[in-house]
Structure formats: structure tokens, C-alpha cells
Amino acid sequence: MLISTTREDHLIAWLAALAIAIHVLEAALPSPIPGVKPGLANVITVLALLLYGWRVAVWVSLLRVLAGSLLVGSFLSPTFLLSLTGALASLAALGLATAVAGRHLSALGLCVLAALAHMLGQFLVAYTLIIPHPALLKLLPVLLTAALLFGLASGTIARMMYPQRPPAAP
């Protein structure tokens, strides 16, 4: 049986492969706080959203989490659960933001929003399912600050790669 692929399928595969490669490279980086990584693979998701729309961004993000976890050996582990939750929270925030603000948010704004949503999603799962201890709440300001800083960094990269939005349709 021959399965035909579309140009969009090839685009999604290419973008997902790029995001997966970045994800795997980031997994090898040491972290002073467990689970805190730069999130540079999310640059690809935000660029996919800006250039090709919501559907492509969702595919790229979810394929990155799935294939990346298989490659680094974390599939179905707590790390996978946290990564998937962060990606879903990030996608939800990006979807809501683009639905409300349309094309008025920049790549920088979208990356910061995505990073904060990603961290909040991960924190909620960690707090409710993995470490339900009130002391964990003391880490939240540190984690959100890290998310903000990494969101600004990834947003700056995304802004350099996509410096301006196309004009809005009349």
C-alpha cells in the first residue's frame, strides 16, 4: 500500500526533526536545577506557528516530545510526563494568545508566554502527582524566573529568525 504525503507532511517532518535535534542536545546539558533547560526547541514551535499556523506548530511540538523522549530514553517516565504537560500547556497558551491577540504578538512575546506556560504546566503536574509537598512551592518563583529568562533568550533568537510579521490581511 502506497501512502502519499503532502508538502505539509514534509514541512512538519523537517521542522520536527530540527526541534528533536535541539531537544536531544539540550538533554545533554547539565542543569543547576533539575528539569530546568533553555527550551530552545520551542523556538521552532513558535516559528512554525508564526510561519505556518496552529496545526503545524502542534504537530511539531508533539512530535518533538514523543521522538525526543524515545531518543533520550525518557519515554513514559516522569520526565516524559513533565515534558508532555509543559508542551500541552505551552500550546494551549499559544493557541489562546493567537486567538485573542491575533497577529499582534511578536515572536519574543510568544516565546516568553510559551516558556512561562510550559513551566507552570510542569510545576502543576510535579506538585500534584510527583512531589505534593508545600516546600515545593518555594521553588516556584525561581522556576518562573528561569522560565522568563529563557523565554526572553529564545524569543530573541526567534525574533532574529523572524524579525517582523507580515502585514495583517484587510
C-alpha atoms as a PDB file:
ATOM      1  CA  MET A   1       0.000   0.000   0.000  1.00  0.00           C
ATOM      2  CA  LEU A   2       1.432   3.326  -1.058  1.00  0.00           C
ATOM      3  CA  ILE A   3       0.905   6.204   1.350  1.00  0.00           C
ATOM      4  CA  SER A   4       1.012   9.615  -0.232  1.00  0.00           C
ATOM      5  CA  THR A   5       2.478  12.540   1.627  1.00  0.00           C
ATOM      6  CA  THR A   6       1.791  16.189   1.194  1.00  0.00           C
ATOM      7  CA  ARG A   7       4.082  19.170   1.159  1.00  0.00           C
ATOM      8  CA  GLU A   8       2.792  19.983   4.660  1.00  0.00           C
ATOM      9  CA  ASP A   9       3.776  16.490   5.854  1.00  0.00           C
ATOM     10  CA  HIS A  10       7.325  17.091   4.640  1.00  0.00           C
ATOM     11  CA  LEU A  11       7.412  20.522   6.256  1.00  0.00           C
ATOM     12  CA  ILE A  12       6.221  19.133   9.591  1.00  0.00           C
ATOM     13  CA  ALA A  13       8.778  16.309   9.415  1.00  0.00           C
ATOM     14  CA  TRP A  14      11.605  18.744   8.684  1.00  0.00           C
ATOM     15  CA  LEU A  15      10.639  21.177  11.455  1.00  0.00           C
ATOM     16  CA  ALA A  16      10.042  18.341  13.927  1.00  0.00           C
ATOM     17  CA  ALA A  17      13.461  16.843  13.099  1.00  0.00           C
ATOM     18  CA  LEU A  18      15.086  20.205  13.787  1.00  0.00           C
ATOM     19  CA  ALA A  19      13.208  20.571  17.082  1.00  0.00           C
ATOM     20  CA  ILE A  20      14.060  16.978  18.067  1.00  0.00           C
ATOM     21  CA  ALA A  21      17.759  17.552  17.388  1.00  0.00           C
ATOM     22  CA  ILE A  22      17.719  20.651  19.596  1.00  0.00           C
ATOM     23  CA  HIS A  23      15.763  18.762  22.278  1.00  0.00           C
ATOM     24  CA  VAL A  24      18.330  15.945  22.336  1.00  0.00           C
ATOM     25  CA  LEU A  25      21.236  18.406  22.513  1.00  0.00           C
ATOM     26  CA  GLU A  26      19.583  20.234  25.412  1.00  0.00           C
ATOM     27  CA  ALA A  27      19.026  16.960  27.261  1.00  0.00           C
ATOM     28  CA  ALA A  28      22.813  16.562  27.373  1.00  0.00           C
ATOM     29  CA  LEU A  29      23.324  19.955  29.039  1.00  0.00           C
ATOM     30  CA  PRO A  30      23.947  19.996  32.785  1.00  0.00           C
ATOM     31  CA  SER A  31      21.357  21.844  34.853  1.00  0.00           C
ATOM     32  CA  PRO A  32      21.803  23.535  38.235  1.00  0.00           C
ATOM     33  CA  ILE A  33      18.104  22.953  38.955  1.00  0.00           C
ATOM     34  CA  PRO A  34      16.646  19.591  37.884  1.00  0.00           C
ATOM     35  CA  GLY A  35      14.385  19.916  34.877  1.00  0.00           C
ATOM     36  CA  VAL A  36      15.345  23.495  34.023  1.00  0.00           C
ATOM     37  CA  LYS A  37      16.576  23.683  30.431  1.00  0.00           C
ATOM     38  CA  PRO A  38      16.782  26.599  27.981  1.00  0.00           C
ATOM     39  CA  GLY A  39      13.874  25.327  25.870  1.00  0.00           C
ATOM     40  CA  LEU A  40      15.420  26.317  22.568  1.00  0.00           C
ATOM     41  CA  ALA A  41      13.391  23.670  20.740  1.00  0.00           C
ATOM     42  CA  ASN A  42      10.357  25.837  21.484  1.00  0.00           C
ATOM     43  CA  VAL A  43      11.801  28.445  19.112  1.00  0.00           C
ATOM     44  CA  ILE A  44      10.966  26.030  16.306  1.00  0.00           C
ATOM     45  CA  THR A  45       7.397  25.617  17.591  1.00  0.00           C
ATOM     46  CA  VAL A  46       6.857  29.387  17.769  1.00  0.00           C
ATOM     47  CA  LEU A  47       8.354  29.902  14.315  1.00  0.00           C
ATOM     48  CA  ALA A  48       6.137  27.111  12.976  1.00  0.00           C
ATOM     49  CA  LEU A  49       3.136  28.889  14.489  1.00  0.00           C
ATOM     50  CA  LEU A  50       4.094  32.245  13.004  1.00  0.00           C
ATOM     51  CA  LEU A  51       5.019  30.931   9.567  1.00  0.00           C
ATOM     52  CA  TYR A  52       2.661  28.010   9.021  1.00  0.00           C
ATOM     53  CA  GLY A  53      -0.124  28.168  11.594  1.00  0.00           C
ATOM     54  CA  TRP A  54      -1.510  26.336  14.579  1.00  0.00           C
ATOM     55  CA  ARG A  55      -1.800  22.854  13.067  1.00  0.00           C
ATOM     56  CA  VAL A  56       1.862  22.694  12.053  1.00  0.00           C
ATOM     57  CA  ALA A  57       3.006  24.058  15.431  1.00  0.00           C
ATOM     58  CA  VAL A  58       1.025  21.399  17.320  1.00  0.00           C
ATOM     59  CA  TRP A  59       2.442  18.580  15.206  1.00  0.00           C
ATOM     60  CA  VAL A  60       5.999  19.869  15.570  1.00  0.00           C
ATOM     61  CA  SER A  61       5.702  20.247  19.341  1.00  0.00           C
ATOM     62  CA  LEU A  62       4.092  16.866  19.985  1.00  0.00           C
ATOM     63  CA  LEU A  63       6.441  15.003  17.648  1.00  0.00           C
ATOM     64  CA  ARG A  64       9.391  16.668  19.389  1.00  0.00           C
ATOM     65  CA  VAL A  65       8.221  15.482  22.798  1.00  0.00           C
ATOM     66  CA  LEU A  66       7.467  11.943  21.626  1.00  0.00           C
ATOM     67  CA  ALA A  67      10.532  11.313  19.461  1.00  0.00           C
ATOM     68  CA  GLY A  68      12.837  13.279  21.762  1.00  0.00           C
ATOM     69  CA  SER A  69      11.790  11.178  24.749  1.00  0.00           C
ATOM     70  CA  LEU A  70      12.362   7.989  22.773  1.00  0.00           C
ATOM     71  CA  LEU A  71      15.852   9.138  21.773  1.00  0.00           C
ATOM     72  CA  VAL A  72      16.952  10.227  25.257  1.00  0.00           C
ATOM     73  CA  GLY A  73      15.336   7.238  26.957  1.00  0.00           C
ATOM     74  CA  SER A  74      12.692   9.030  28.983  1.00  0.00           C
ATOM     75  CA  PHE A  75       9.552   7.774  27.210  1.00  0.00           C
ATOM     76  CA  LEU A  76       6.699   7.146  29.698  1.00  0.00           C
ATOM     77  CA  SER A  77       8.871   8.287  32.619  1.00  0.00           C
ATOM     78  CA  PRO A  78       8.050  11.203  34.928  1.00  0.00           C
ATOM     79  CA  THR A  79      10.352  13.317  32.735  1.00  0.00           C
ATOM     80  CA  PHE A  80       8.230  12.449  29.699  1.00  0.00           C
ATOM     81  CA  LEU A  81       5.050  13.308  31.598  1.00  0.00           C
ATOM     82  CA  LEU A  82       6.509  16.680  32.606  1.00  0.00           C
ATOM     83  CA  SER A  83       7.723  17.393  29.077  1.00  0.00           C
ATOM     84  CA  LEU A  84       4.369  16.479  27.532  1.00  0.00           C
ATOM     85  CA  THR A  85       2.462  18.535  30.093  1.00  0.00           C
ATOM     86  CA  GLY A  86       4.732  21.514  29.518  1.00  0.00           C
ATOM     87  CA  ALA A  87       4.289  21.235  25.755  1.00  0.00           C
ATOM     88  CA  LEU A  88       0.495  20.977  26.060  1.00  0.00           C
ATOM     89  CA  ALA A  89       0.348  23.964  28.429  1.00  0.00           C
ATOM     90  CA  SER A  90       2.574  25.939  26.085  1.00  0.00           C
ATOM     91  CA  LEU A  91       0.438  25.037  23.062  1.00  0.00           C
ATOM     92  CA  ALA A  92      -2.726  25.970  24.946  1.00  0.00           C
ATOM     93  CA  ALA A  93      -1.268  29.362  25.892  1.00  0.00           C
ATOM     94  CA  LEU A  94      -0.045  29.985  22.340  1.00  0.00           C
ATOM     95  CA  GLY A  95      -3.415  28.970  20.906  1.00  0.00           C
ATOM     96  CA  LEU A  96      -5.308  31.208  23.307  1.00  0.00           C
ATOM     97  CA  ALA A  97      -2.938  34.129  22.752  1.00  0.00           C
ATOM     98  CA  THR A  98      -3.181  33.935  18.979  1.00  0.00           C
ATOM     99  CA  ALA A  99      -6.954  33.553  19.169  1.00  0.00           C
ATOM    100  CA  VAL A 100      -7.264  36.635  21.378  1.00  0.00           C
ATOM    101  CA  ALA A 101      -4.445  38.858  20.115  1.00  0.00           C
ATOM    102  CA  GLY A 102      -4.276  37.588  16.568  1.00  0.00           C
ATOM    103  CA  ARG A 103      -1.135  38.742  14.814  1.00  0.00           C
ATOM    104  CA  HIS A 104      -0.328  41.430  17.394  1.00  0.00           C
ATOM    105  CA  LEU A 105       2.084  39.323  19.468  1.00  0.00           C
ATOM    106  CA  SER A 106       5.722  39.186  18.433  1.00  0.00           C
ATOM    107  CA  ALA A 107       7.954  36.131  18.373  1.00  0.00           C
ATOM    108  CA  LEU A 108       9.526  37.442  21.576  1.00  0.00           C
ATOM    109  CA  GLY A 109       6.165  37.761  23.337  1.00  0.00           C
ATOM    110  CA  LEU A 110       5.043  34.335  22.171  1.00  0.00           C
ATOM    111  CA  CYS A 111       8.283  32.684  23.363  1.00  0.00           C
ATOM    112  CA  VAL A 112       8.029  34.291  26.801  1.00  0.00           C
ATOM    113  CA  LEU A 113       4.384  33.260  27.091  1.00  0.00           C
ATOM    114  CA  ALA A 114       5.189  29.719  25.952  1.00  0.00           C
ATOM    115  CA  ALA A 115       8.091  29.375  28.409  1.00  0.00           C
ATOM    116  CA  LEU A 116       6.015  30.575  31.368  1.00  0.00           C
ATOM    117  CA  ALA A 117       3.083  28.322  30.452  1.00  0.00           C
ATOM    118  CA  HIS A 118       5.450  25.385  29.955  1.00  0.00           C
ATOM    119  CA  MET A 119       6.957  25.869  33.412  1.00  0.00           C
ATOM    120  CA  LEU A 120       3.563  26.354  35.092  1.00  0.00           C
ATOM    121  CA  GLY A 121       2.204  23.207  33.459  1.00  0.00           C
ATOM    122  CA  GLN A 122       5.220  21.204  34.565  1.00  0.00           C
ATOM    123  CA  PHE A 123       5.074  22.635  38.065  1.00  0.00           C
ATOM    124  CA  LEU A 124       1.394  21.776  38.494  1.00  0.00           C
ATOM    125  CA  VAL A 125       1.993  18.176  37.480  1.00  0.00           C
ATOM    126  CA  ALA A 126       5.105  17.905  39.658  1.00  0.00           C
ATOM    127  CA  TYR A 127       3.245  19.358  42.623  1.00  0.00           C
ATOM    128  CA  THR A 128       0.063  17.318  42.241  1.00  0.00           C
ATOM    129  CA  LEU A 129       1.470  13.969  41.080  1.00  0.00           C
ATOM    130  CA  ILE A 130       5.176  13.685  41.846  1.00  0.00           C
ATOM    131  CA  ILE A 131       6.105  15.798  44.893  1.00  0.00           C
ATOM    132  CA  PRO A 132       2.919  17.015  46.623  1.00  0.00           C
ATOM    133  CA  HIS A 133       4.770  18.865  49.366  1.00  0.00           C
ATOM    134  CA  PRO A 134       4.248  22.541  50.313  1.00  0.00           C
ATOM    135  CA  ALA A 135       8.026  23.133  50.301  1.00  0.00           C
ATOM    136  CA  LEU A 136       7.955  22.729  46.517  1.00  0.00           C
ATOM    137  CA  LEU A 137       6.004  25.989  46.320  1.00  0.00           C
ATOM    138  CA  LYS A 138       9.154  27.812  47.460  1.00  0.00           C
ATOM    139  CA  LEU A 139      10.791  26.820  44.167  1.00  0.00           C
ATOM    140  CA  LEU A 140       8.037  28.326  42.030  1.00  0.00           C
ATOM    141  CA  PRO A 141       9.453  31.896  41.939  1.00  0.00           C
ATOM    142  CA  VAL A 142      12.890  30.556  40.982  1.00  0.00           C
ATOM    143  CA  LEU A 143      11.419  28.323  38.283  1.00  0.00           C
ATOM    144  CA  LEU A 144       9.252  31.103  36.836  1.00  0.00           C
ATOM    145  CA  THR A 145      12.218  33.485  36.834  1.00  0.00           C
ATOM    146  CA  ALA A 146      14.261  30.896  34.935  1.00  0.00           C
ATOM    147  CA  ALA A 147      11.350  30.427  32.502  1.00  0.00           C
ATOM    148  CA  LEU A 148      11.130  34.179  31.969  1.00  0.00           C
ATOM    149  CA  LEU A 149      14.874  34.494  31.305  1.00  0.00           C
ATOM    150  CA  PHE A 150      14.953  31.501  28.974  1.00  0.00           C
ATOM    151  CA  GLY A 151      11.784  32.746  27.259  1.00  0.00           C
ATOM    152  CA  LEU A 152      13.468  36.090  26.639  1.00  0.00           C
ATOM    153  CA  ALA A 153      16.547  34.328  25.268  1.00  0.00           C
ATOM    154  CA  SER A 154      14.576  32.030  22.962  1.00  0.00           C
ATOM    155  CA  GLY A 155      12.331  34.940  21.985  1.00  0.00           C
ATOM    156  CA  THR A 156      15.358  36.984  20.999  1.00  0.00           C
ATOM    157  CA  ILE A 157      16.561  34.119  18.813  1.00  0.00           C
ATOM    158  CA  ALA A 158      13.106  33.702  17.281  1.00  0.00           C
ATOM    159  CA  ARG A 159      12.874  37.444  16.670  1.00  0.00           C
ATOM    160  CA  MET A 160      16.223  37.372  14.851  1.00  0.00           C
ATOM    161  CA  MET A 161      14.990  34.476  12.728  1.00  0.00           C
ATOM    162  CA  TYR A 162      11.597  36.074  12.108  1.00  0.00           C
ATOM    163  CA  PRO A 163      12.134  39.821  12.575  1.00  0.00           C
ATOM    164  CA  GLN A 164       8.712  41.066  11.566  1.00  0.00           C
ATOM    165  CA  ARG A 165       5.251  39.846  10.940  1.00  0.00           C
ATOM    166  CA  PRO A 166       3.683  40.018   7.521  1.00  0.00           C
ATOM    167  CA  PRO A 167       1.033  42.726   7.202  1.00  0.00           C
ATOM    168  CA  ALA A 168      -2.382  41.782   8.524  1.00  0.00           C
ATOM    169  CA  ALA A 169      -4.990  40.879   5.961  1.00  0.00           C
ATOM    170  CA  PRO A 170      -7.566  43.628   5.354  1.00  0.00           C
END
